[in-house]
Amino acid sequence: MVPAPKPTSAKPASKWNCPAWAPIKGNAPSKIYHLKNQRFYTKTTPEICFTTEAAAKQAGYRKSKV
């Protein structure tokens, strides 16, 4: 039996937070993702959360410039 692949994205855990295992916040309308150490991370309402930057980029998102 082959194990199922691990998910690379998730729905937000709440209005403002992503689950601990997928901490990168994605803004769907702008296709921009935010990391915890970035300026607007706490002000961003995530529509999707990613496990890694690579997963966000693969989904067509780009890193926030601030």
PDB file of N, CA and C in Angstrom:
ATOM      1  N   MET A   1       0.828  -1.172   0.000  1.00  0.00           N
ATOM      2  CA  MET A   1       0.000   0.000   0.000  1.00  0.00           C
ATOM      3  C   MET A   1       0.884   1.252   0.000  1.00  0.00           C
ATOM      4  N   VAL A   2       0.623   2.152  -0.914  1.00  0.00           N
ATOM      5  CA  VAL A   2       1.394   3.386  -1.031  1.00  0.00           C
ATOM      6  C   VAL A   2       0.745   4.462  -0.161  1.00  0.00           C
ATOM      7  N   PRO A   3       1.552   5.145   0.685  1.00  0.00           N
ATOM      8  CA  PRO A   3       0.959   6.192   1.517  1.00  0.00           C
ATOM      9  C   PRO A   3       0.502   7.380   0.668  1.00  0.00           C
ATOM     10  N   ALA A   4      -0.554   8.020   1.113  1.00  0.00           N
ATOM     11  CA  ALA A   4      -1.076   9.193   0.401  1.00  0.00           C
ATOM     12  C   ALA A   4      -0.074  10.337   0.523  1.00  0.00           C
ATOM     13  N   PRO A   5       0.050  11.157  -0.528  1.00  0.00           N
ATOM     14  CA  PRO A   5       0.971  12.295  -0.440  1.00  0.00           C
ATOM     15  C   PRO A   5       0.495  13.292   0.619  1.00  0.00           C
ATOM     16  N   LYS A   6       1.458  13.939   1.269  1.00  0.00           N
ATOM     17  CA  LYS A   6       1.117  14.934   2.281  1.00  0.00           C
ATOM     18  C   LYS A   6       0.569  16.183   1.593  1.00  0.00           C
ATOM     19  N   PRO A   7      -0.434  16.820   2.178  1.00  0.00           N
ATOM     20  CA  PRO A   7      -0.980  18.033   1.566  1.00  0.00           C
ATOM     21  C   PRO A   7       0.039  19.172   1.603  1.00  0.00           C
ATOM     22  N   THR A   8      -0.011  20.045   0.601  1.00  0.00           N
ATOM     23  CA  THR A   8       0.889  21.196   0.537  1.00  0.00           C
ATOM     24  C   THR A   8       0.159  22.500   0.817  1.00  0.00           C
ATOM     25  N   SER A   9      -1.161  22.417   0.974  1.00  0.00           N
ATOM     26  CA  SER A   9      -1.937  23.611   1.301  1.00  0.00           C
ATOM     27  C   SER A   9      -3.129  23.209   2.166  1.00  0.00           C
ATOM     28  N   ALA A  10      -3.736  24.225   2.776  1.00  0.00           N
ATOM     29  CA  ALA A  10      -4.877  23.978   3.657  1.00  0.00           C
ATOM     30  C   ALA A  10      -5.765  25.208   3.721  1.00  0.00           C
ATOM     31  N   LYS A  11      -6.964  25.007   4.229  1.00  0.00           N
ATOM     32  CA  LYS A  11      -7.844  26.134   4.518  1.00  0.00           C
ATOM     33  C   LYS A  11      -7.342  26.784   5.807  1.00  0.00           C
ATOM     34  N   PRO A  12      -7.592  28.083   5.985  1.00  0.00           N
ATOM     35  CA  PRO A  12      -7.180  28.744   7.229  1.00  0.00           C
ATOM     36  C   PRO A  12      -7.815  28.087   8.458  1.00  0.00           C
ATOM     37  N   ALA A  13      -7.088  28.131   9.576  1.00  0.00           N
ATOM     38  CA  ALA A  13      -7.591  27.579  10.829  1.00  0.00           C
ATOM     39  C   ALA A  13      -8.653  28.497  11.437  1.00  0.00           C
ATOM     40  N   SER A  14      -8.531  29.787  11.161  1.00  0.00           N
ATOM     41  CA  SER A  14      -9.500  30.788  11.610  1.00  0.00           C
ATOM     42  C   SER A  14      -9.416  31.969  10.642  1.00  0.00           C
ATOM     43  N   LYS A  15     -10.150  33.030  10.915  1.00  0.00           N
ATOM     44  CA  LYS A  15     -10.150  34.179  10.002  1.00  0.00           C
ATOM     45  C   LYS A  15      -8.745  34.740   9.781  1.00  0.00           C
ATOM     46  N   TRP A  16      -7.915  34.752  10.808  1.00  0.00           N
ATOM     47  CA  TRP A  16      -6.596  35.379  10.720  1.00  0.00           C
ATOM     48  C   TRP A  16      -5.427  34.404  10.739  1.00  0.00           C
ATOM     49  N   ASN A  17      -5.662  33.140  11.023  1.00  0.00           N
ATOM     50  CA  ASN A  17      -4.557  32.208  11.244  1.00  0.00           C
ATOM     51  C   ASN A  17      -4.581  30.982  10.345  1.00  0.00           C
ATOM     52  N   CYS A  18      -3.370  30.558  10.004  1.00  0.00           N
ATOM     53  CA  CYS A  18      -3.181  29.312   9.266  1.00  0.00           C
ATOM     54  C   CYS A  18      -2.859  28.208  10.274  1.00  0.00           C
ATOM     55  N   PRO A  19      -3.073  26.943   9.905  1.00  0.00           N
ATOM     56  CA  PRO A  19      -2.672  25.859  10.805  1.00  0.00           C
ATOM     57  C   PRO A  19      -1.152  25.864  10.989  1.00  0.00           C
ATOM     58  N   ALA A  20      -0.680  25.371  12.114  1.00  0.00           N
ATOM     59  CA  ALA A  20       0.756  25.371  12.418  1.00  0.00           C
ATOM     60  C   ALA A  20       1.573  24.638  11.355  1.00  0.00           C
ATOM     61  N   TRP A  21       1.013  23.605  10.736  1.00  0.00           N
ATOM     62  CA  TRP A  21       1.760  22.822   9.744  1.00  0.00           C
ATOM     63  C   TRP A  21       1.753  23.461   8.350  1.00  0.00           C
ATOM     64  N   ALA A  22       0.987  24.544   8.170  1.00  0.00           N
ATOM     65  CA  ALA A  22       0.935  25.267   6.887  1.00  0.00           C
ATOM     66  C   ALA A  22       0.880  26.770   7.183  1.00  0.00           C
ATOM     67  N   PRO A  23       1.995  27.354   7.662  1.00  0.00           N
ATOM     68  CA  PRO A  23       1.977  28.720   8.185  1.00  0.00           C
ATOM     69  C   PRO A  23       2.044  29.858   7.167  1.00  0.00           C
ATOM     70  N   ILE A  24       2.212  29.561   5.902  1.00  0.00           N
ATOM     71  CA  ILE A  24       2.359  30.618   4.896  1.00  0.00           C
ATOM     72  C   ILE A  24       0.984  31.057   4.406  1.00  0.00           C
ATOM     73  N   LYS A  25       0.687  32.359   4.580  1.00  0.00           N
ATOM     74  CA  LYS A  25      -0.630  32.898   4.221  1.00  0.00           C
ATOM     75  C   LYS A  25      -0.678  33.270   2.743  1.00  0.00           C
ATOM     76  N   GLY A  26      -1.692  32.796   2.049  1.00  0.00           N
ATOM     77  CA  GLY A  26      -1.888  33.126   0.646  1.00  0.00           C
ATOM     78  C   GLY A  26      -3.107  34.005   0.453  1.00  0.00           C
ATOM     79  N   ASN A  27      -2.937  35.088  -0.312  1.00  0.00           N
ATOM     80  CA  ASN A  27      -4.037  35.982  -0.653  1.00  0.00           C
ATOM     81  C   ASN A  27      -4.467  35.630  -2.069  1.00  0.00           C
ATOM     82  N   ALA A  28      -5.615  35.013  -2.210  1.00  0.00           N
ATOM     83  CA  ALA A  28      -6.064  34.496  -3.507  1.00  0.00           C
ATOM     84  C   ALA A  28      -6.269  35.569  -4.581  1.00  0.00           C
ATOM     85  N   PRO A  29      -6.943  36.695  -4.283  1.00  0.00           N
ATOM     86  CA  PRO A  29      -7.163  37.677  -5.352  1.00  0.00           C
ATOM     87  C   PRO A  29      -5.866  38.234  -5.951  1.00  0.00           C
ATOM     88  N   SER A  30      -4.856  38.451  -5.097  1.00  0.00           N
ATOM     89  CA  SER A  30      -3.600  39.034  -5.582  1.00  0.00           C
ATOM     90  C   SER A  30      -2.556  37.988  -5.947  1.00  0.00           C
ATOM     91  N   LYS A  31      -2.767  36.727  -5.531  1.00  0.00           N
ATOM     92  CA  LYS A  31      -1.800  35.642  -5.748  1.00  0.00           C
ATOM     93  C   LYS A  31      -0.453  35.968  -5.095  1.00  0.00           C
ATOM     94  N   ILE A  32      -0.517  36.573  -3.891  1.00  0.00           N
ATOM     95  CA  ILE A  32       0.677  36.915  -3.120  1.00  0.00           C
ATOM     96  C   ILE A  32       0.661  36.099  -1.833  1.00  0.00           C
ATOM     97  N   TYR A  33       1.850  35.604  -1.427  1.00  0.00           N
ATOM     98  CA  TYR A  33       1.938  34.898  -0.155  1.00  0.00           C
ATOM     99  C   TYR A  33       2.800  35.685   0.823  1.00  0.00           C
ATOM    100  N   HIS A  34       2.541  35.472   2.111  1.00  0.00           N
ATOM    101  CA  HIS A  34       3.212  36.201   3.182  1.00  0.00           C
ATOM    102  C   HIS A  34       3.821  35.224   4.177  1.00  0.00           C
ATOM    103  N   LEU A  35       5.067  35.501   4.575  1.00  0.00           N
ATOM    104  CA  LEU A  35       5.766  34.703   5.580  1.00  0.00           C
ATOM    105  C   LEU A  35       5.633  35.366   6.947  1.00  0.00           C
ATOM    106  N   LYS A  36       5.809  34.581   8.016  1.00  0.00           N
ATOM    107  CA  LYS A  36       5.640  35.101   9.379  1.00  0.00           C
ATOM    108  C   LYS A  36       6.537  36.293   9.690  1.00  0.00           C
ATOM    109  N   ASN A  37       7.716  36.354   9.102  1.00  0.00           N
ATOM    110  CA  ASN A  37       8.642  37.440   9.411  1.00  0.00           C
ATOM    111  C   ASN A  37       8.424  38.686   8.546  1.00  0.00           C
ATOM    112  N   GLN A  38       7.381  38.700   7.738  1.00  0.00           N
ATOM    113  CA  GLN A  38       7.125  39.848   6.874  1.00  0.00           C
ATOM    114  C   GLN A  38       6.157  40.834   7.521  1.00  0.00           C
ATOM    115  N   ARG A  39       6.262  42.077   7.104  1.00  0.00           N
ATOM    116  CA  ARG A  39       5.544  43.209   7.688  1.00  0.00           C
ATOM    117  C   ARG A  39       4.026  43.028   7.774  1.00  0.00           C
ATOM    118  N   PHE A  40       3.396  42.544   6.720  1.00  0.00           N
ATOM    119  CA  PHE A  40       1.940  42.481   6.681  1.00  0.00           C
ATOM    120  C   PHE A  40       1.359  41.102   7.014  1.00  0.00           C
ATOM    121  N   TYR A  41       2.190  40.198   7.531  1.00  0.00           N
ATOM    122  CA  TYR A  41       1.707  38.848   7.846  1.00  0.00           C
ATOM    123  C   TYR A  41       0.513  38.880   8.798  1.00  0.00           C
ATOM    124  N   THR A  42       0.632  39.621   9.890  1.00  0.00           N
ATOM    125  CA  THR A  42      -0.445  39.634  10.889  1.00  0.00           C
ATOM    126  C   THR A  42      -1.684  40.376  10.405  1.00  0.00           C
ATOM    127  N   LYS A  43      -1.529  41.220   9.389  1.00  0.00           N
ATOM    128  CA  LYS A  43      -2.666  41.984   8.861  1.00  0.00           C
ATOM    129  C   LYS A  43      -3.334  41.300   7.669  1.00  0.00           C
ATOM    130  N   THR A  44      -2.751  40.199   7.224  1.00  0.00           N
ATOM    131  CA  THR A  44      -3.274  39.488   6.060  1.00  0.00           C
ATOM    132  C   THR A  44      -4.297  38.439   6.474  1.00  0.00           C
ATOM    133  N   THR A  45      -5.455  38.478   5.834  1.00  0.00           N
ATOM    134  CA  THR A  45      -6.472  37.448   6.022  1.00  0.00           C
ATOM    135  C   THR A  45      -6.225  36.379   4.961  1.00  0.00           C
ATOM    136  N   PRO A  46      -5.829  35.178   5.351  1.00  0.00           N
ATOM    137  CA  PRO A  46      -5.510  34.156   4.356  1.00  0.00           C
ATOM    138  C   PRO A  46      -6.755  33.507   3.751  1.00  0.00           C
ATOM    139  N   GLU A  47      -6.710  33.290   2.452  1.00  0.00           N
ATOM    140  CA  GLU A  47      -7.738  32.484   1.789  1.00  0.00           C
ATOM    141  C   GLU A  47      -7.262  31.044   1.648  1.00  0.00           C
ATOM    142  N   ILE A  48      -5.923  30.886   1.666  1.00  0.00           N
ATOM    143  CA  ILE A  48      -5.289  29.572   1.579  1.00  0.00           C
ATOM    144  C   ILE A  48      -3.989  29.637   2.368  1.00  0.00           C
ATOM    145  N   CYS A  49      -3.554  28.504   2.886  1.00  0.00           N
ATOM    146  CA  CYS A  49      -2.313  28.424   3.647  1.00  0.00           C
ATOM    147  C   CYS A  49      -1.417  27.361   3.007  1.00  0.00           C
ATOM    148  N   PHE A  50      -0.122  27.645   2.955  1.00  0.00           N
ATOM    149  CA  PHE A  50       0.828  26.731   2.316  1.00  0.00           C
ATOM    150  C   PHE A  50       1.843  26.196   3.317  1.00  0.00           C
ATOM    151  N   THR A  51       2.342  25.005   3.033  1.00  0.00           N
ATOM    152  CA  THR A  51       3.347  24.377   3.893  1.00  0.00           C
ATOM    153  C   THR A  51       4.736  24.942   3.626  1.00  0.00           C
ATOM    154  N   THR A  52       5.029  25.276   2.377  1.00  0.00           N
ATOM    155  CA  THR A  52       6.352  25.776   1.996  1.00  0.00           C
ATOM    156  C   THR A  52       6.225  26.870   0.943  1.00  0.00           C
ATOM    157  N   GLU A  53       7.300  27.643   0.785  1.00  0.00           N
ATOM    158  CA  GLU A  53       7.321  28.648  -0.282  1.00  0.00           C
ATOM    159  C   GLU A  53       7.235  27.974  -1.647  1.00  0.00           C
ATOM    160  N   ALA A  54       7.887  26.826  -1.772  1.00  0.00           N
ATOM    161  CA  ALA A  54       7.849  26.098  -3.043  1.00  0.00           C
ATOM    162  C   ALA A  54       6.412  25.727  -3.413  1.00  0.00           C
ATOM    163  N   ALA A  55       5.623  25.321  -2.427  1.00  0.00           N
ATOM    164  CA  ALA A  55       4.220  24.966  -2.684  1.00  0.00           C
ATOM    165  C   ALA A  55       3.429  26.194  -3.121  1.00  0.00           C
ATOM    166  N   ALA A  56       3.691  27.333  -2.486  1.00  0.00           N
ATOM    167  CA  ALA A  56       3.003  28.570  -2.863  1.00  0.00           C
ATOM    168  C   ALA A  56       3.369  28.976  -4.292  1.00  0.00           C
ATOM    169  N   LYS A  57       4.644  28.904  -4.614  1.00  0.00           N
ATOM    170  CA  LYS A  57       5.096  29.258  -5.966  1.00  0.00           C
ATOM    171  C   LYS A  57       4.509  28.308  -7.006  1.00  0.00           C
ATOM    172  N   GLN A  58       4.457  27.027  -6.685  1.00  0.00           N
ATOM    173  CA  GLN A  58       3.901  26.038  -7.609  1.00  0.00           C
ATOM    174  C   GLN A  58       2.421  26.314  -7.875  1.00  0.00           C
ATOM    175  N   ALA A  59       1.734  26.893  -6.897  1.00  0.00           N
ATOM    176  CA  ALA A  59       0.312  27.227  -7.049  1.00  0.00           C
ATOM    177  C   ALA A  59       0.105  28.559  -7.775  1.00  0.00           C
ATOM    178  N   GLY A  60       1.208  29.203  -8.176  1.00  0.00           N
ATOM    179  CA  GLY A  60       1.100  30.445  -8.939  1.00  0.00           C
ATOM    180  C   GLY A  60       1.166  31.718  -8.115  1.00  0.00           C
ATOM    181  N   TYR A  61       1.572  31.606  -6.849  1.00  0.00           N
ATOM    182  CA  TYR A  61       1.684  32.771  -5.971  1.00  0.00           C
ATOM    183  C   TYR A  61       3.108  33.316  -6.003  1.00  0.00           C
ATOM    184  N   ARG A  62       3.250  34.607  -5.669  1.00  0.00           N
ATOM    185  CA  ARG A  62       4.574  35.205  -5.545  1.00  0.00           C
ATOM    186  C   ARG A  62       4.724  35.760  -4.134  1.00  0.00           C
ATOM    187  N   LYS A  63       5.968  35.904  -3.695  1.00  0.00           N
ATOM    188  CA  LYS A  63       6.255  36.392  -2.351  1.00  0.00           C
ATOM    189  C   LYS A  63       5.960  37.883  -2.238  1.00  0.00           C
ATOM    190  N   SER A  64       5.413  38.292  -1.103  1.00  0.00           N
ATOM    191  CA  SER A  64       5.178  39.707  -0.833  1.00  0.00           C
ATOM    192  C   SER A  64       6.516  40.447  -0.830  1.00  0.00           C
ATOM    193  N   LYS A  65       6.513  41.662  -1.325  1.00  0.00           N
ATOM    194  CA  LYS A  65       7.751  42.448  -1.387  1.00  0.00           C
ATOM    195  C   LYS A  65       8.063  43.145  -0.071  1.00  0.00           C
ATOM    196  N   VAL A  66       7.095  43.195   0.847  1.00  0.00           N
ATOM    197  CA  VAL A  66       7.324  43.838   2.158  1.00  0.00           C
ATOM    198  C   VAL A  66       7.037  42.885   3.298  1.00  0.00           C
TER     199      VAL A  66
END
